[in-house]
Full PDB file with SEQRES, HELIX, SHEET, SSBOND, CRYST1, ORIGX, SCALE, CONECT and MASTER records, all heavy atoms in Angstrom:
SEQRES   1 A   41  TYR TYR ALA ALA GLY LEU VAL GLY TYR ILE ALA LYS SER          
SEQRES   2 A   41  ALA LYS SER VAL GLY TRP ALA VAL ASN VAL ASP VAL ALA          
SEQRES   3 A   41  VAL GLY VAL SER VAL PRO ILE ILE LEU LEU VAL LEU VAL          
SEQRES   4 A   41  MET GLY                                                      
HELIX    1 AA1 TYR A    2  SER A   16  1                                  15    
HELIX    2 AA2 VAL A   23  MET A   40  1                                  18    
CRYST1    1.000    1.000    1.000  90.00  90.00  90.00 P 1           1          
ORIGX1      1.000000  0.000000  0.000000        0.00000                         
ORIGX2      0.000000  1.000000  0.000000        0.00000                         
ORIGX3      0.000000  0.000000  1.000000        0.00000                         
SCALE1      1.000000  0.000000  0.000000        0.00000                         
SCALE2      0.000000  1.000000  0.000000        0.00000                         
SCALE3      0.000000  0.000000  1.000000        0.00000                         
ATOM      1  N   TYR A   1      -5.546   1.115   3.110  1.00  0.00           N  
ATOM      2  CA  TYR A   1      -5.845   1.218   1.676  1.00  0.00           C  
ATOM      3  C   TYR A   1      -6.270   2.636   1.313  1.00  0.00           C  
ATOM      4  O   TYR A   1      -5.772   3.233   0.334  1.00  0.00           O  
ATOM      5  CB  TYR A   1      -6.932   0.212   1.324  1.00  0.00           C  
ATOM      6  CG  TYR A   1      -7.446   0.346  -0.084  1.00  0.00           C  
ATOM      7  CD1 TYR A   1      -6.704  -0.151  -1.182  1.00  0.00           C  
ATOM      8  CD2 TYR A   1      -8.653   0.983  -0.333  1.00  0.00           C  
ATOM      9  CE1 TYR A   1      -7.190  -0.004  -2.477  1.00  0.00           C  
ATOM     10  CE2 TYR A   1      -9.137   1.125  -1.615  1.00  0.00           C  
ATOM     11  CZ  TYR A   1      -8.399   0.625  -2.700  1.00  0.00           C  
ATOM     12  OH  TYR A   1      -8.872   0.769  -3.978  1.00  0.00           O  
ATOM     13  N   TYR A   2      -7.207   3.185   2.091  1.00  0.00           N  
ATOM     14  CA  TYR A   2      -7.676   4.547   1.769  1.00  0.00           C  
ATOM     15  C   TYR A   2      -6.588   5.593   1.987  1.00  0.00           C  
ATOM     16  O   TYR A   2      -6.475   6.568   1.232  1.00  0.00           O  
ATOM     17  CB  TYR A   2      -8.912   4.882   2.605  1.00  0.00           C  
ATOM     18  CG  TYR A   2     -10.150   4.121   2.150  1.00  0.00           C  
ATOM     19  CD1 TYR A   2     -10.734   3.167   2.969  1.00  0.00           C  
ATOM     20  CD2 TYR A   2     -10.713   4.379   0.888  1.00  0.00           C  
ATOM     21  CE1 TYR A   2     -11.853   2.477   2.557  1.00  0.00           C  
ATOM     22  CE2 TYR A   2     -11.821   3.689   0.479  1.00  0.00           C  
ATOM     23  CZ  TYR A   2     -12.402   2.738   1.304  1.00  0.00           C  
ATOM     24  OH  TYR A   2     -13.503   2.056   0.885  1.00  0.00           O  
ATOM     25  N   ALA A   3      -5.777   5.404   3.048  1.00  0.00           N  
ATOM     26  CA  ALA A   3      -4.695   6.361   3.289  1.00  0.00           C  
ATOM     27  C   ALA A   3      -3.653   6.311   2.157  1.00  0.00           C  
ATOM     28  O   ALA A   3      -3.133   7.358   1.725  1.00  0.00           O  
ATOM     29  CB  ALA A   3      -4.040   6.066   4.643  1.00  0.00           C  
ATOM     30  N   ALA A   4      -3.348   5.095   1.697  1.00  0.00           N  
ATOM     31  CA  ALA A   4      -2.401   4.968   0.569  1.00  0.00           C  
ATOM     32  C   ALA A   4      -2.972   5.621  -0.683  1.00  0.00           C  
ATOM     33  O   ALA A   4      -2.247   6.235  -1.488  1.00  0.00           O  
ATOM     34  CB  ALA A   4      -2.103   3.488   0.327  1.00  0.00           C  
ATOM     35  N   GLY A   5      -4.266   5.503  -0.842  1.00  0.00           N  
ATOM     36  CA  GLY A   5      -4.909   6.169  -1.979  1.00  0.00           C  
ATOM     37  C   GLY A   5      -4.747   7.668  -1.899  1.00  0.00           C  
ATOM     38  O   GLY A   5      -4.504   8.342  -2.923  1.00  0.00           O  
ATOM     39  N   LEU A   6      -4.890   8.209  -0.687  1.00  0.00           N  
ATOM     40  CA  LEU A   6      -4.708   9.657  -0.528  1.00  0.00           C  
ATOM     41  C   LEU A   6      -3.263  10.052  -0.855  1.00  0.00           C  
ATOM     42  O   LEU A   6      -3.019  11.104  -1.473  1.00  0.00           O  
ATOM     43  CB  LEU A   6      -5.054  10.062   0.924  1.00  0.00           C  
ATOM     44  CG  LEU A   6      -6.531   9.954   1.306  1.00  0.00           C  
ATOM     45  CD1 LEU A   6      -6.696  10.267   2.803  1.00  0.00           C  
ATOM     46  CD2 LEU A   6      -7.362  10.937   0.475  1.00  0.00           C  
ATOM     47  N   VAL A   7      -2.306   9.200  -0.422  1.00  0.00           N  
ATOM     48  CA  VAL A   7      -0.900   9.479  -0.748  1.00  0.00           C  
ATOM     49  C   VAL A   7      -0.697   9.482  -2.265  1.00  0.00           C  
ATOM     50  O   VAL A   7       0.043  10.303  -2.839  1.00  0.00           O  
ATOM     51  CB  VAL A   7       0.029   8.468  -0.060  1.00  0.00           C  
ATOM     52  CG1 VAL A   7       1.477   8.619  -0.563  1.00  0.00           C  
ATOM     53  CG2 VAL A   7      -0.041   8.633   1.462  1.00  0.00           C  
ATOM     54  N   GLY A   8      -1.362   8.541  -2.937  1.00  0.00           N  
ATOM     55  CA  GLY A   8      -1.243   8.496  -4.395  1.00  0.00           C  
ATOM     56  C   GLY A   8      -1.758   9.765  -5.042  1.00  0.00           C  
ATOM     57  O   GLY A   8      -1.153  10.297  -5.983  1.00  0.00           O  
ATOM     58  N   TYR A   9      -2.941  10.247  -4.535  1.00  0.00           N  
ATOM     59  CA  TYR A   9      -3.478  11.489  -5.091  1.00  0.00           C  
ATOM     60  C   TYR A   9      -2.528  12.666  -4.858  1.00  0.00           C  
ATOM     61  O   TYR A   9      -2.342  13.537  -5.721  1.00  0.00           O  
ATOM     62  CB  TYR A   9      -4.840  11.808  -4.464  1.00  0.00           C  
ATOM     63  CG  TYR A   9      -5.960  10.938  -5.023  1.00  0.00           C  
ATOM     64  CD1 TYR A   9      -6.660  10.078  -4.195  1.00  0.00           C  
ATOM     65  CD2 TYR A   9      -6.287  11.006  -6.396  1.00  0.00           C  
ATOM     66  CE1 TYR A   9      -7.673   9.285  -4.686  1.00  0.00           C  
ATOM     67  CE2 TYR A   9      -7.297  10.210  -6.893  1.00  0.00           C  
ATOM     68  CZ  TYR A   9      -8.002   9.352  -6.042  1.00  0.00           C  
ATOM     69  OH  TYR A   9      -8.992   8.583  -6.548  1.00  0.00           O  
ATOM     70  N   ILE A  10      -1.939  12.673  -3.646  1.00  0.00           N  
ATOM     71  CA  ILE A  10      -1.005  13.759  -3.354  1.00  0.00           C  
ATOM     72  C   ILE A  10       0.229  13.684  -4.274  1.00  0.00           C  
ATOM     73  O   ILE A  10       0.726  14.701  -4.797  1.00  0.00           O  
ATOM     74  CB  ILE A  10      -0.570  13.692  -1.876  1.00  0.00           C  
ATOM     75  CG1 ILE A  10      -1.786  13.979  -0.973  1.00  0.00           C  
ATOM     76  CG2 ILE A  10       0.552  14.689  -1.581  1.00  0.00           C  
ATOM     77  CD1 ILE A  10      -1.495  13.761   0.499  1.00  0.00           C  
ATOM     78  N   ALA A  11       0.762  12.478  -4.501  1.00  0.00           N  
ATOM     79  CA  ALA A  11       1.944  12.310  -5.368  1.00  0.00           C  
ATOM     80  C   ALA A  11       1.636  12.715  -6.799  1.00  0.00           C  
ATOM     81  O   ALA A  11       2.462  13.353  -7.488  1.00  0.00           O  
ATOM     82  CB  ALA A  11       2.416  10.851  -5.297  1.00  0.00           C  
ATOM     83  N   LYS A  12       0.432  12.362  -7.292  1.00  0.00           N  
ATOM     84  CA  LYS A  12       0.052  12.740  -8.650  1.00  0.00           C  
ATOM     85  C   LYS A  12      -0.051  14.264  -8.771  1.00  0.00           C  
ATOM     86  O   LYS A  12       0.337  14.859  -9.796  1.00  0.00           O  
ATOM     87  CB  LYS A  12      -1.286  12.099  -9.020  1.00  0.00           C  
ATOM     88  CG  LYS A  12      -1.201  10.595  -9.227  1.00  0.00           C  
ATOM     89  CD  LYS A  12      -2.581  10.015  -9.550  1.00  0.00           C  
ATOM     90  CE  LYS A  12      -2.490   8.498  -9.751  1.00  0.00           C  
ATOM     91  NZ  LYS A  12      -3.818   7.922 -10.045  1.00  0.00           N  
ATOM     92  N   SER A  13      -0.589  14.872  -7.720  1.00  0.00           N  
ATOM     93  CA  SER A  13      -0.706  16.346  -7.763  1.00  0.00           C  
ATOM     94  C   SER A  13       0.684  16.992  -7.776  1.00  0.00           C  
ATOM     95  O   SER A  13       0.924  17.967  -8.509  1.00  0.00           O  
ATOM     96  CB  SER A  13      -1.485  16.840  -6.526  1.00  0.00           C  
ATOM     97  OG  SER A  13      -2.791  16.292  -6.512  1.00  0.00           O  
ATOM     98  N   ALA A  14       1.591  16.425  -6.982  1.00  0.00           N  
ATOM     99  CA  ALA A  14       2.952  16.971  -6.953  1.00  0.00           C  
ATOM    100  C   ALA A  14       3.644  16.788  -8.302  1.00  0.00           C  
ATOM    101  O   ALA A  14       4.388  17.664  -8.779  1.00  0.00           O  
ATOM    102  CB  ALA A  14       3.756  16.293  -5.832  1.00  0.00           C  
ATOM    103  N   LYS A  15       3.406  15.654  -8.937  1.00  0.00           N  
ATOM    104  CA  LYS A  15       4.019  15.396 -10.248  1.00  0.00           C  
ATOM    105  C   LYS A  15       3.448  16.348 -11.286  1.00  0.00           C  
ATOM    106  O   LYS A  15       4.165  16.807 -12.212  1.00  0.00           O  
ATOM    107  CB  LYS A  15       3.747  13.934 -10.628  1.00  0.00           C  
ATOM    108  CG  LYS A  15       4.450  13.547 -11.938  1.00  0.00           C  
ATOM    109  CD  LYS A  15       4.224  12.066 -12.232  1.00  0.00           C  
ATOM    110  CE  LYS A  15       4.935  11.683 -13.550  1.00  0.00           C  
ATOM    111  NZ  LYS A  15       4.724  10.246 -13.847  1.00  0.00           N  
ATOM    112  N   SER A  16       2.167  16.658 -11.157  1.00  0.00           N  
ATOM    113  CA  SER A  16       1.528  17.559 -12.122  1.00  0.00           C  
ATOM    114  C   SER A  16       2.097  18.976 -12.056  1.00  0.00           C  
ATOM    115  O   SER A  16       2.136  19.695 -13.043  1.00  0.00           O  
ATOM    116  CB  SER A  16       0.008  17.601 -11.880  1.00  0.00           C  
ATOM    117  OG  SER A  16      -0.553  16.322 -12.057  1.00  0.00           O  
ATOM    118  N   VAL A  17       2.541  19.393 -10.889  1.00  0.00           N  
ATOM    119  CA  VAL A  17       3.081  20.749 -10.756  1.00  0.00           C  
ATOM    120  C   VAL A  17       4.563  20.797 -11.069  1.00  0.00           C  
ATOM    121  O   VAL A  17       5.205  21.817 -10.901  1.00  0.00           O  
ATOM    122  CB  VAL A  17       2.823  21.287  -9.332  1.00  0.00           C  
ATOM    123  CG1 VAL A  17       1.336  21.421  -9.080  1.00  0.00           C  
ATOM    124  CG2 VAL A  17       3.500  20.414  -8.278  1.00  0.00           C  
ATOM    125  N   GLY A  18       5.139  19.657 -11.467  1.00  0.00           N  
ATOM    126  CA  GLY A  18       6.513  19.662 -11.931  1.00  0.00           C  
ATOM    127  C   GLY A  18       7.497  18.989 -11.006  1.00  0.00           C  
ATOM    128  O   GLY A  18       8.692  19.025 -11.281  1.00  0.00           O  
ATOM    129  N   TRP A  19       7.029  18.449  -9.927  1.00  0.00           N  
ATOM    130  CA  TRP A  19       7.941  17.749  -9.017  1.00  0.00           C  
ATOM    131  C   TRP A  19       8.275  16.402  -9.613  1.00  0.00           C  
ATOM    132  O   TRP A  19       7.439  15.729 -10.216  1.00  0.00           O  
ATOM    133  CB  TRP A  19       7.330  17.556  -7.629  1.00  0.00           C  
ATOM    134  CG  TRP A  19       7.200  18.877  -6.866  1.00  0.00           C  
ATOM    135  CD1 TRP A  19       7.428  20.113  -7.325  1.00  0.00           C  
ATOM    136  CD2 TRP A  19       6.829  18.965  -5.519  1.00  0.00           C  
ATOM    137  NE1 TRP A  19       7.231  21.050  -6.372  1.00  0.00           N  
ATOM    138  CE2 TRP A  19       6.851  20.364  -5.206  1.00  0.00           C  
ATOM    139  CE3 TRP A  19       6.490  18.061  -4.503  1.00  0.00           C  
ATOM    140  CZ2 TRP A  19       6.532  20.854  -3.939  1.00  0.00           C  
ATOM    141  CZ3 TRP A  19       6.183  18.577  -3.259  1.00  0.00           C  
ATOM    142  CH2 TRP A  19       6.183  19.942  -2.972  1.00  0.00           C  
ATOM    143  N   ALA A  20       9.502  15.953  -9.368  1.00  0.00           N  
ATOM    144  CA  ALA A  20       9.942  14.652  -9.892  1.00  0.00           C  
ATOM    145  C   ALA A  20       9.560  13.575  -8.888  1.00  0.00           C  
ATOM    146  O   ALA A  20      10.326  13.208  -7.997  1.00  0.00           O  
ATOM    147  CB  ALA A  20      11.432  14.656 -10.148  1.00  0.00           C  
ATOM    148  N   VAL A  21       8.340  13.141  -8.971  1.00  0.00           N  
ATOM    149  CA  VAL A  21       7.801  12.160  -8.000  1.00  0.00           C  
ATOM    150  C   VAL A  21       7.334  10.946  -8.767  1.00  0.00           C  
ATOM    151  O   VAL A  21       6.600  11.063  -9.752  1.00  0.00           O  
ATOM    152  CB  VAL A  21       6.627  12.743  -7.199  1.00  0.00           C  
ATOM    153  CG1 VAL A  21       6.062  11.699  -6.258  1.00  0.00           C  
ATOM    154  CG2 VAL A  21       7.075  13.976  -6.430  1.00  0.00           C  
ATOM    155  N   ASN A  22       7.785   9.792  -8.279  1.00  0.00           N  
ATOM    156  CA  ASN A  22       7.296   8.521  -8.818  1.00  0.00           C  
ATOM    157  C   ASN A  22       6.098   8.104  -7.974  1.00  0.00           C  
ATOM    158  O   ASN A  22       6.212   7.763  -6.786  1.00  0.00           O  
ATOM    159  CB  ASN A  22       8.401   7.462  -8.771  1.00  0.00           C  
ATOM    160  CG  ASN A  22       7.989   6.204  -9.545  1.00  0.00           C  
ATOM    161  OD1 ASN A  22       6.821   5.812  -9.576  1.00  0.00           O  
ATOM    162  ND2 ASN A  22       8.972   5.538 -10.153  1.00  0.00           N  
ATOM    163  N   VAL A  23       4.968   8.169  -8.613  1.00  0.00           N  
ATOM    164  CA  VAL A  23       3.720   7.910  -7.867  1.00  0.00           C  
ATOM    165  C   VAL A  23       3.706   6.517  -7.283  1.00  0.00           C  
ATOM    166  O   VAL A  23       3.334   6.297  -6.104  1.00  0.00           O  
ATOM    167  CB  VAL A  23       2.501   8.137  -8.779  1.00  0.00           C  
ATOM    168  CG1 VAL A  23       1.203   7.793  -8.052  1.00  0.00           C  
ATOM    169  CG2 VAL A  23       2.483   9.584  -9.268  1.00  0.00           C  
ATOM    170  N   ASP A  24       4.045   5.513  -8.014  1.00  0.00           N  
ATOM    171  CA  ASP A  24       3.981   4.126  -7.538  1.00  0.00           C  
ATOM    172  C   ASP A  24       4.926   3.910  -6.356  1.00  0.00           C  
ATOM    173  O   ASP A  24       4.578   3.215  -5.373  1.00  0.00           O  
ATOM    174  CB  ASP A  24       4.341   3.168  -8.675  1.00  0.00           C  
ATOM    175  CG  ASP A  24       3.299   3.206  -9.790  1.00  0.00           C  
ATOM    176  OD1 ASP A  24       2.113   3.553  -9.452  1.00  0.00           O  
ATOM    177  OD2 ASP A  24       3.612   2.867 -10.915  1.00  0.00           O  
ATOM    178  N   VAL A  25       6.135   4.502  -6.475  1.00  0.00           N  
ATOM    179  CA  VAL A  25       7.100   4.339  -5.379  1.00  0.00           C  
ATOM    180  C   VAL A  25       6.580   5.021  -4.108  1.00  0.00           C  
ATOM    181  O   VAL A  25       6.666   4.494  -2.990  1.00  0.00           O  
ATOM    182  CB  VAL A  25       8.467   4.922  -5.775  1.00  0.00           C  
ATOM    183  CG1 VAL A  25       9.415   4.919  -4.581  1.00  0.00           C  
ATOM    184  CG2 VAL A  25       9.066   4.134  -6.935  1.00  0.00           C  
ATOM    185  N   ALA A  26       6.011   6.221  -4.292  1.00  0.00           N  
ATOM    186  CA  ALA A  26       5.493   6.959  -3.138  1.00  0.00           C  
ATOM    187  C   ALA A  26       4.389   6.181  -2.443  1.00  0.00           C  
ATOM    188  O   ALA A  26       4.334   6.073  -1.203  1.00  0.00           O  
ATOM    189  CB  ALA A  26       4.980   8.320  -3.575  1.00  0.00           C  
ATOM    190  N   VAL A  27       3.481   5.597  -3.221  1.00  0.00           N  
ATOM    191  CA  VAL A  27       2.378   4.806  -2.620  1.00  0.00           C  
ATOM    192  C   VAL A  27       2.924   3.571  -1.943  1.00  0.00           C  
ATOM    193  O   VAL A  27       2.527   3.216  -0.828  1.00  0.00           O  
ATOM    194  CB  VAL A  27       1.342   4.455  -3.698  1.00  0.00           C  
ATOM    195  CG1 VAL A  27       0.311   3.468  -3.145  1.00  0.00           C  
ATOM    196  CG2 VAL A  27       0.659   5.702  -4.213  1.00  0.00           C  
ATOM    197  N   GLY A  28       3.856   2.894  -2.618  1.00  0.00           N  
ATOM    198  CA  GLY A  28       4.414   1.664  -2.045  1.00  0.00           C  
ATOM    199  C   GLY A  28       5.158   1.917  -0.759  1.00  0.00           C  
ATOM    200  O   GLY A  28       5.080   1.127   0.196  1.00  0.00           O  
ATOM    201  N   VAL A  29       5.909   3.028  -0.689  1.00  0.00           N  
ATOM    202  CA  VAL A  29       6.658   3.349   0.530  1.00  0.00           C  
ATOM    203  C   VAL A  29       5.704   3.742   1.663  1.00  0.00           C  
ATOM    204  O   VAL A  29       5.923   3.433   2.844  1.00  0.00           O  
ATOM    205  CB  VAL A  29       7.665   4.460   0.247  1.00  0.00           C  
ATOM    206  CG1 VAL A  29       8.305   4.950   1.539  1.00  0.00           C  
ATOM    207  CG2 VAL A  29       8.739   3.971  -0.709  1.00  0.00           C  
ATOM    208  N   SER A  30       4.586   4.402   1.308  1.00  0.00           N  
ATOM    209  CA  SER A  30       3.680   4.896   2.362  1.00  0.00           C  
ATOM    210  C   SER A  30       2.869   3.779   3.029  1.00  0.00           C  
ATOM    211  O   SER A  30       2.411   3.918   4.188  1.00  0.00           O  
ATOM    212  CB  SER A  30       2.715   5.928   1.774  1.00  0.00           C  
ATOM    213  OG  SER A  30       1.827   5.323   0.829  1.00  0.00           O  
ATOM    214  N   VAL A  31       2.652   2.686   2.332  1.00  0.00           N  
ATOM    215  CA  VAL A  31       1.790   1.614   2.882  1.00  0.00           C  
ATOM    216  C   VAL A  31       2.320   1.079   4.209  1.00  0.00           C  
ATOM    217  O   VAL A  31       1.592   1.029   5.224  1.00  0.00           O  
ATOM    218  CB  VAL A  31       1.594   0.497   1.847  1.00  0.00           C  
ATOM    219  CG1 VAL A  31       0.971  -0.732   2.503  1.00  0.00           C  
ATOM    220  CG2 VAL A  31       0.754   0.988   0.686  1.00  0.00           C  
ATOM    221  N   PRO A  32       3.600   0.617   4.314  1.00  0.00           N  
ATOM    222  CA  PRO A  32       4.059   0.102   5.616  1.00  0.00           C  
ATOM    223  C   PRO A  32       4.089   1.182   6.696  1.00  0.00           C  
ATOM    224  O   PRO A  32       3.856   0.904   7.876  1.00  0.00           O  
ATOM    225  CB  PRO A  32       5.451  -0.437   5.327  1.00  0.00           C  
ATOM    226  CG  PRO A  32       5.877   0.223   4.069  1.00  0.00           C  
ATOM    227  CD  PRO A  32       4.646   0.495   3.281  1.00  0.00           C  
ATOM    228  N   ILE A  33       4.384   2.426   6.265  1.00  0.00           N  
ATOM    229  CA  ILE A  33       4.413   3.500   7.275  1.00  0.00           C  
ATOM    230  C   ILE A  33       3.017   3.726   7.850  1.00  0.00           C  
ATOM    231  O   ILE A  33       2.814   3.841   9.070  1.00  0.00           O  
ATOM    232  CB  ILE A  33       4.978   4.784   6.653  1.00  0.00           C  
ATOM    233  CG1 ILE A  33       6.426   4.559   6.183  1.00  0.00           C  
ATOM    234  CG2 ILE A  33       4.887   5.944   7.625  1.00  0.00           C  
ATOM    235  CD1 ILE A  33       7.014   5.726   5.398  1.00  0.00           C  
ATOM    236  N   ILE A  34       2.037   3.810   6.938  1.00  0.00           N  
ATOM    237  CA  ILE A  34       0.638   4.018   7.409  1.00  0.00           C  
ATOM    238  C   ILE A  34       0.183   2.855   8.285  1.00  0.00           C  
ATOM    239  O   ILE A  34      -0.449   3.044   9.344  1.00  0.00           O  
ATOM    240  CB  ILE A  34      -0.297   4.186   6.190  1.00  0.00           C  
ATOM    241  CG1 ILE A  34       0.042   5.470   5.437  1.00  0.00           C  
ATOM    242  CG2 ILE A  34      -1.762   4.190   6.632  1.00  0.00           C  
ATOM    243  CD1 ILE A  34      -0.670   5.608   4.105  1.00  0.00           C  
ATOM    244  N   LEU A  35       0.497   1.655   7.872  1.00  0.00           N  
ATOM    245  CA  LEU A  35       0.085   0.471   8.622  1.00  0.00           C  
ATOM    246  C   LEU A  35       0.696   0.485  10.016  1.00  0.00           C  
ATOM    247  O   LEU A  35       0.018   0.181  11.030  1.00  0.00           O  
ATOM    248  CB  LEU A  35       0.500  -0.783   7.860  1.00  0.00           C  
ATOM    249  CG  LEU A  35       0.065  -2.129   8.479  1.00  0.00           C  
ATOM    250  CD1 LEU A  35      -1.447  -2.216   8.575  1.00  0.00           C  
ATOM    251  CD2 LEU A  35       0.619  -3.289   7.651  1.00  0.00           C  
ATOM    252  N   LEU A  36       1.988   0.851  10.131  1.00  0.00           N  
ATOM    253  CA  LEU A  36       2.670   0.902  11.422  1.00  0.00           C  
ATOM    254  C   LEU A  36       2.045   1.971  12.318  1.00  0.00           C  
ATOM    255  O   LEU A  36       1.818   1.741  13.515  1.00  0.00           O  
ATOM    256  CB  LEU A  36       4.160   1.185  11.199  1.00  0.00           C  
ATOM    257  CG  LEU A  36       5.020   1.280  12.472  1.00  0.00           C  
ATOM    258  CD1 LEU A  36       4.984  -0.042  13.236  1.00  0.00           C  
ATOM    259  CD2 LEU A  36       6.456   1.665  12.119  1.00  0.00           C  
ATOM    260  N   VAL A  37       1.730   3.135  11.733  1.00  0.00           N  
ATOM    261  CA  VAL A  37       1.123   4.225  12.530  1.00  0.00           C  
ATOM    262  C   VAL A  37      -0.243   3.801  13.072  1.00  0.00           C  
ATOM    263  O   VAL A  37      -0.586   4.038  14.239  1.00  0.00           O  
ATOM    264  CB  VAL A  37       1.023   5.492  11.687  1.00  0.00           C  
ATOM    265  CG1 VAL A  37       0.180   6.545  12.402  1.00  0.00           C  
ATOM    266  CG2 VAL A  37       2.415   6.047  11.366  1.00  0.00           C  
ATOM    267  N   LEU A  38      -1.043   3.150  12.228  1.00  0.00           N  
ATOM    268  CA  LEU A  38      -2.383   2.720  12.671  1.00  0.00           C  
ATOM    269  C   LEU A  38      -2.310   1.658  13.773  1.00  0.00           C  
ATOM    270  O   LEU A  38      -3.069   1.704  14.756  1.00  0.00           O  
ATOM    271  CB  LEU A  38      -3.181   2.191  11.473  1.00  0.00           C  
ATOM    272  CG  LEU A  38      -3.629   3.238  10.452  1.00  0.00           C  
ATOM    273  CD1 LEU A  38      -4.297   2.564   9.252  1.00  0.00           C  
ATOM    274  CD2 LEU A  38      -4.575   4.254  11.088  1.00  0.00           C  
ATOM    275  N   VAL A  39      -1.406   0.703  13.613  1.00  0.00           N  
ATOM    276  CA  VAL A  39      -1.260  -0.347  14.645  1.00  0.00           C  
ATOM    277  C   VAL A  39      -0.816   0.256  15.955  1.00  0.00           C  
ATOM    278  O   VAL A  39      -1.343  -0.075  17.025  1.00  0.00           O  
ATOM    279  CB  VAL A  39      -0.273  -1.421  14.163  1.00  0.00           C  
ATOM    280  CG1 VAL A  39       0.072  -2.381  15.290  1.00  0.00           C  
ATOM    281  CG2 VAL A  39      -0.868  -2.175  12.979  1.00  0.00           C  
ATOM    282  N   MET A  40       0.170   1.151  15.940  1.00  0.00           N  
ATOM    283  CA  MET A  40       0.645   1.785  17.163  1.00  0.00           C  
ATOM    284  C   MET A  40      -0.468   2.633  17.804  1.00  0.00           C  
ATOM    285  O   MET A  40      -0.654   2.632  19.033  1.00  0.00           O  
ATOM    286  CB  MET A  40       1.867   2.654  16.867  1.00  0.00           C  
ATOM    287  CG  MET A  40       3.087   1.852  16.398  1.00  0.00           C  
ATOM    288  SD  MET A  40       3.655   0.665  17.632  1.00  0.00           S  
ATOM    289  CE  MET A  40       4.199   1.795  18.914  1.00  0.00           C  
ATOM    290  N   GLY A  41      -1.224   3.350  16.978  1.00  0.00           N  
ATOM    291  CA  GLY A  41      -2.330   4.155  17.528  1.00  0.00           C  
ATOM    292  C   GLY A  41      -3.410   3.290  18.169  1.00  0.00           C  
ATOM    293  O   GLY A  41      -3.973   3.640  19.224  1.00  0.00           O  
TER     294      GLY A  41                                                      
MASTER        0    0    0    2    0    0    0    6  293    1    0    4          
END                                                                             
């Protein structure tokens, strides 16, 4: 949850500087990746 939140903050910052980033999509995609990394670790 906290890692996904950090991804959301990063996506919002990227969108603010002009990058074409969908914040919700970025957070949603990062959740399974973060979860998989934590379980493997």
